[in-house]
Amino acid sequence: MGYVASVTSDVQSSNFHSQCERIFREWDAAARAADVEAMLALYADDALFETALVPVVMPEKQDGVLRGKAELRLFFARSSANRPDQALRWYRTGRWLTDGERLLAWEYPRRTPDGEQVDVAEFFEIENGLIACHRVYWGWKGASMIAPAL
């Protein structure tokens, strides 16, 4: 019985790893292209999204939390239309982290080979191959950019 459980666990872990690789690749590509529908396709219908940018983009959402695809769609559309492209280089190291069961994380570091960029860390909770919860943590450079709007 222990062997079967171990095999099942390995299969589930391998499947989760593939889901993380796909989300790592597709989320970044959709965000770069400002492809709102492609981004939304990666999220569960009832997904939560938390970032300090929410009240900047959507002043009516002062708690910084979006709930469900309707709010995500509005946020992604507004933020894509008004993003400061000179501050976004979209540089990542190509590395991501996972706990192997639920969590996926990566960063857009401040220092890049071509200069500085907005620094954020992205944390995703993955369920059934979709993003169930997404939290964005801002580094000092990014936080200093959005702080005046808060």
C-alpha atoms as a PDB file:
ATOM      1  CA  MET A   1       0.000   0.000   0.000  1.00  0.00           C
ATOM      2  CA  GLY A   2       2.836   2.419   0.827  1.00  0.00           C
ATOM      3  CA  TYR A   3       4.324   1.899  -2.629  1.00  0.00           C
ATOM      4  CA  VAL A   4       1.041   2.737  -4.377  1.00  0.00           C
ATOM      5  CA  ALA A   5       0.652   5.886  -2.280  1.00  0.00           C
ATOM      6  CA  SER A   6       4.215   6.881  -3.151  1.00  0.00           C
ATOM      7  CA  VAL A   7       3.633   6.345  -6.877  1.00  0.00           C
ATOM      8  CA  THR A   8       0.397   8.349  -6.730  1.00  0.00           C
ATOM      9  CA  SER A   9       2.216  11.112  -4.897  1.00  0.00           C
ATOM     10  CA  ASP A  10       5.011  11.138  -7.506  1.00  0.00           C
ATOM     11  CA  VAL A  11       2.479  11.324 -10.345  1.00  0.00           C
ATOM     12  CA  GLN A  12       0.591  14.145  -8.633  1.00  0.00           C
ATOM     13  CA  SER A  13       3.854  15.970  -7.958  1.00  0.00           C
ATOM     14  CA  SER A  14       4.930  15.594 -11.597  1.00  0.00           C
ATOM     15  CA  ASN A  15       1.551  16.876 -12.796  1.00  0.00           C
ATOM     16  CA  PHE A  16       1.746  19.850 -10.423  1.00  0.00           C
ATOM     17  CA  HIS A  17       5.274  20.623 -11.623  1.00  0.00           C
ATOM     18  CA  SER A  18       3.979  20.688 -15.222  1.00  0.00           C
ATOM     19  CA  GLN A  19       1.133  22.986 -14.188  1.00  0.00           C
ATOM     20  CA  CYS A  20       3.635  25.348 -12.543  1.00  0.00           C
ATOM     21  CA  GLU A  21       5.856  25.396 -15.644  1.00  0.00           C
ATOM     22  CA  ARG A  22       2.843  26.187 -17.833  1.00  0.00           C
ATOM     23  CA  ILE A  23       1.597  29.000 -15.582  1.00  0.00           C
ATOM     24  CA  PHE A  24       5.129  30.412 -15.213  1.00  0.00           C
ATOM     25  CA  ARG A  25       5.461  30.593 -19.006  1.00  0.00           C
ATOM     26  CA  GLU A  26       1.904  31.566 -20.004  1.00  0.00           C
ATOM     27  CA  TRP A  27       1.222  34.154 -17.284  1.00  0.00           C
ATOM     28  CA  ASP A  28       4.328  36.143 -18.125  1.00  0.00           C
ATOM     29  CA  ALA A  29       3.681  35.976 -21.891  1.00  0.00           C
ATOM     30  CA  ALA A  30       0.058  37.111 -21.478  1.00  0.00           C
ATOM     31  CA  ALA A  31       1.014  39.914 -19.083  1.00  0.00           C
ATOM     32  CA  ARG A  32       3.751  41.186 -21.419  1.00  0.00           C
ATOM     33  CA  ALA A  33       1.315  41.198 -24.333  1.00  0.00           C
ATOM     34  CA  ALA A  34      -1.431  42.820 -22.204  1.00  0.00           C
ATOM     35  CA  ASP A  35      -3.639  39.909 -23.312  1.00  0.00           C
ATOM     36  CA  VAL A  36      -6.389  40.141 -20.700  1.00  0.00           C
ATOM     37  CA  GLU A  37      -8.310  37.078 -21.906  1.00  0.00           C
ATOM     38  CA  ALA A  38      -5.195  34.889 -21.945  1.00  0.00           C
ATOM     39  CA  MET A  39      -4.404  35.997 -18.398  1.00  0.00           C
ATOM     40  CA  LEU A  40      -7.958  35.309 -17.239  1.00  0.00           C
ATOM     41  CA  ALA A  41      -7.844  31.803 -18.732  1.00  0.00           C
ATOM     42  CA  LEU A  42      -5.199  30.925 -16.126  1.00  0.00           C
ATOM     43  CA  TYR A  43      -7.448  31.799 -13.159  1.00  0.00           C
ATOM     44  CA  ALA A  44     -10.226  29.888 -11.427  1.00  0.00           C
ATOM     45  CA  ASP A  45     -13.644  31.550 -11.712  1.00  0.00           C
ATOM     46  CA  ASP A  46     -13.601  32.502  -8.011  1.00  0.00           C
ATOM     47  CA  ALA A  47      -9.902  33.395  -7.809  1.00  0.00           C
ATOM     48  CA  LEU A  48      -8.581  35.954  -5.318  1.00  0.00           C
ATOM     49  CA  PHE A  49      -5.952  38.494  -6.336  1.00  0.00           C
ATOM     50  CA  GLU A  50      -4.163  40.745  -3.848  1.00  0.00           C
ATOM     51  CA  THR A  51      -1.756  43.590  -4.569  1.00  0.00           C
ATOM     52  CA  ALA A  52      -1.116  47.134  -3.414  1.00  0.00           C
ATOM     53  CA  LEU A  53      -1.759  48.172  -7.019  1.00  0.00           C
ATOM     54  CA  VAL A  54      -5.474  47.337  -6.765  1.00  0.00           C
ATOM     55  CA  PRO A  55      -6.507  50.582  -4.984  1.00  0.00           C
ATOM     56  CA  VAL A  56      -4.316  52.589  -7.384  1.00  0.00           C
ATOM     57  CA  VAL A  57      -6.017  51.128 -10.462  1.00  0.00           C
ATOM     58  CA  MET A  58      -9.453  50.648  -8.890  1.00  0.00           C
ATOM     59  CA  PRO A  59     -10.003  53.265  -6.153  1.00  0.00           C
ATOM     60  CA  GLU A  60     -13.326  51.623  -5.308  1.00  0.00           C
ATOM     61  CA  LYS A  61     -11.379  48.542  -4.060  1.00  0.00           C
ATOM     62  CA  GLN A  62      -9.457  49.989  -1.106  1.00  0.00           C
ATOM     63  CA  ASP A  63      -8.896  46.586   0.520  1.00  0.00           C
ATOM     64  CA  GLY A  64      -6.520  45.617  -2.307  1.00  0.00           C
ATOM     65  CA  VAL A  65      -8.348  42.345  -2.981  1.00  0.00           C
ATOM     66  CA  LEU A  66     -10.089  41.296  -6.182  1.00  0.00           C
ATOM     67  CA  ARG A  67     -12.603  38.469  -6.147  1.00  0.00           C
ATOM     68  CA  GLY A  68     -13.572  36.558  -9.292  1.00  0.00           C
ATOM     69  CA  LYS A  69     -12.937  37.001 -12.985  1.00  0.00           C
ATOM     70  CA  ALA A  70     -15.161  40.054 -13.469  1.00  0.00           C
ATOM     71  CA  GLU A  71     -13.009  42.116 -11.094  1.00  0.00           C
ATOM     72  CA  LEU A  72      -9.816  40.585 -12.489  1.00  0.00           C
ATOM     73  CA  ARG A  73     -10.861  41.481 -16.055  1.00  0.00           C
ATOM     74  CA  LEU A  74     -11.465  45.115 -15.124  1.00  0.00           C
ATOM     75  CA  PHE A  75      -8.184  45.364 -13.196  1.00  0.00           C
ATOM     76  CA  PHE A  76      -6.084  43.718 -15.946  1.00  0.00           C
ATOM     77  CA  ALA A  77      -7.668  45.898 -18.631  1.00  0.00           C
ATOM     78  CA  ARG A  78      -7.141  49.136 -16.695  1.00  0.00           C
ATOM     79  CA  SER A  79      -3.633  48.316 -15.487  1.00  0.00           C
ATOM     80  CA  SER A  80      -2.508  47.135 -18.948  1.00  0.00           C
ATOM     81  CA  ALA A  81      -3.804  50.320 -20.566  1.00  0.00           C
ATOM     82  CA  ASN A  82      -2.003  52.556 -18.059  1.00  0.00           C
ATOM     83  CA  ARG A  83       1.192  50.708 -17.213  1.00  0.00           C
ATOM     84  CA  PRO A  84       4.493  52.575 -17.200  1.00  0.00           C
ATOM     85  CA  ASP A  85       6.339  50.507 -19.792  1.00  0.00           C
ATOM     86  CA  GLN A  86       9.597  52.364 -19.157  1.00  0.00           C
ATOM     87  CA  ALA A  87       9.616  50.893 -15.623  1.00  0.00           C
ATOM     88  CA  LEU A  88       8.830  47.335 -16.798  1.00  0.00           C
ATOM     89  CA  ARG A  89      11.549  45.296 -18.407  1.00  0.00           C
ATOM     90  CA  TRP A  90       9.774  41.994 -17.633  1.00  0.00           C
ATOM     91  CA  TYR A  91      13.109  40.447 -16.733  1.00  0.00           C
ATOM     92  CA  ARG A  92      13.039  37.168 -14.808  1.00  0.00           C
ATOM     93  CA  THR A  93      15.896  34.799 -14.083  1.00  0.00           C
ATOM     94  CA  GLY A  94      13.953  31.840 -15.457  1.00  0.00           C
ATOM     95  CA  ARG A  95      13.808  30.275 -11.999  1.00  0.00           C
ATOM     96  CA  TRP A  96      10.662  29.655 -10.019  1.00  0.00           C
ATOM     97  CA  LEU A  97       9.893  27.997  -6.712  1.00  0.00           C
ATOM     98  CA  THR A  98       7.201  25.618  -5.559  1.00  0.00           C
ATOM     99  CA  ASP A  99       6.321  23.632  -2.476  1.00  0.00           C
ATOM    100  CA  GLY A 100       5.381  20.804  -4.848  1.00  0.00           C
ATOM    101  CA  GLU A 101       1.756  20.774  -3.778  1.00  0.00           C
ATOM    102  CA  ARG A 102       0.050  24.151  -4.039  1.00  0.00           C
ATOM    103  CA  LEU A 103       2.412  27.145  -4.154  1.00  0.00           C
ATOM    104  CA  LEU A 104       4.241  28.673  -7.135  1.00  0.00           C
ATOM    105  CA  ALA A 105       6.454  31.751  -6.789  1.00  0.00           C
ATOM    106  CA  TRP A 106       8.878  33.866  -8.815  1.00  0.00           C
ATOM    107  CA  GLU A 107      10.237  37.384  -8.872  1.00  0.00           C
ATOM    108  CA  TYR A 108      10.874  40.249 -11.196  1.00  0.00           C
ATOM    109  CA  PRO A 109      14.070  41.488  -9.503  1.00  0.00           C
ATOM    110  CA  ARG A 110      14.991  45.172  -9.307  1.00  0.00           C
ATOM    111  CA  ARG A 111      18.374  44.658 -10.970  1.00  0.00           C
ATOM    112  CA  THR A 112      18.382  43.325 -14.520  1.00  0.00           C
ATOM    113  CA  PRO A 113      21.145  42.968 -17.127  1.00  0.00           C
ATOM    114  CA  ASP A 114      19.743  46.131 -18.774  1.00  0.00           C
ATOM    115  CA  GLY A 115      19.205  48.306 -15.697  1.00  0.00           C
ATOM    116  CA  GLU A 116      16.568  48.544 -13.006  1.00  0.00           C
ATOM    117  CA  GLN A 117      12.913  47.593 -13.166  1.00  0.00           C
ATOM    118  CA  VAL A 118       9.904  47.540 -10.893  1.00  0.00           C
ATOM    119  CA  ASP A 119      10.632  44.802  -8.377  1.00  0.00           C
ATOM    120  CA  VAL A 120       7.852  42.436  -7.372  1.00  0.00           C
ATOM    121  CA  ALA A 121       7.482  38.873  -6.154  1.00  0.00           C
ATOM    122  CA  GLU A 122       4.518  36.870  -7.411  1.00  0.00           C
ATOM    123  CA  PHE A 123       2.956  34.095  -5.288  1.00  0.00           C
ATOM    124  CA  PHE A 124       0.289  31.798  -6.709  1.00  0.00           C
ATOM    125  CA  GLU A 125      -1.824  29.120  -5.090  1.00  0.00           C
ATOM    126  CA  ILE A 126      -2.645  26.550  -7.765  1.00  0.00           C
ATOM    127  CA  GLU A 127      -5.713  24.297  -7.672  1.00  0.00           C
ATOM    128  CA  ASN A 128      -6.641  21.923 -10.493  1.00  0.00           C
ATOM    129  CA  GLY A 129      -4.207  23.610 -12.851  1.00  0.00           C
ATOM    130  CA  LEU A 130      -5.633  27.105 -12.308  1.00  0.00           C
ATOM    131  CA  ILE A 131      -4.648  30.066 -10.168  1.00  0.00           C
ATOM    132  CA  ALA A 132      -6.901  30.091  -7.104  1.00  0.00           C
ATOM    133  CA  CYS A 133      -5.101  32.909  -5.296  1.00  0.00           C
ATOM    134  CA  HIS A 134      -2.456  35.370  -6.525  1.00  0.00           C
ATOM    135  CA  ARG A 135      -0.542  37.740  -4.259  1.00  0.00           C
ATOM    136  CA  VAL A 136       1.964  40.352  -5.419  1.00  0.00           C
ATOM    137  CA  TYR A 137       4.569  41.712  -3.005  1.00  0.00           C
ATOM    138  CA  TRP A 138       6.312  44.935  -3.959  1.00  0.00           C
ATOM    139  CA  GLY A 139       9.993  45.677  -3.462  1.00  0.00           C
ATOM    140  CA  TRP A 140      11.253  49.121  -2.474  1.00  0.00           C
ATOM    141  CA  LYS A 141      11.551  50.466  -6.047  1.00  0.00           C
ATOM    142  CA  GLY A 142       8.040  49.376  -7.037  1.00  0.00           C
ATOM    143  CA  ALA A 143       6.559  50.449  -3.708  1.00  0.00           C
ATOM    144  CA  SER A 144       8.092  53.906  -4.046  1.00  0.00           C
ATOM    145  CA  MET A 145       6.417  54.263  -7.457  1.00  0.00           C
ATOM    146  CA  ILE A 146       2.914  53.418  -6.277  1.00  0.00           C
ATOM    147  CA  ALA A 147       3.065  54.902  -2.767  1.00  0.00           C
ATOM    148  CA  PRO A 148       2.102  58.447  -3.854  1.00  0.00           C
ATOM    149  CA  ALA A 149      -1.088  57.077  -5.450  1.00  0.00           C
ATOM    150  CA  LEU A 150      -2.049  55.300  -2.243  1.00  0.00           C
END
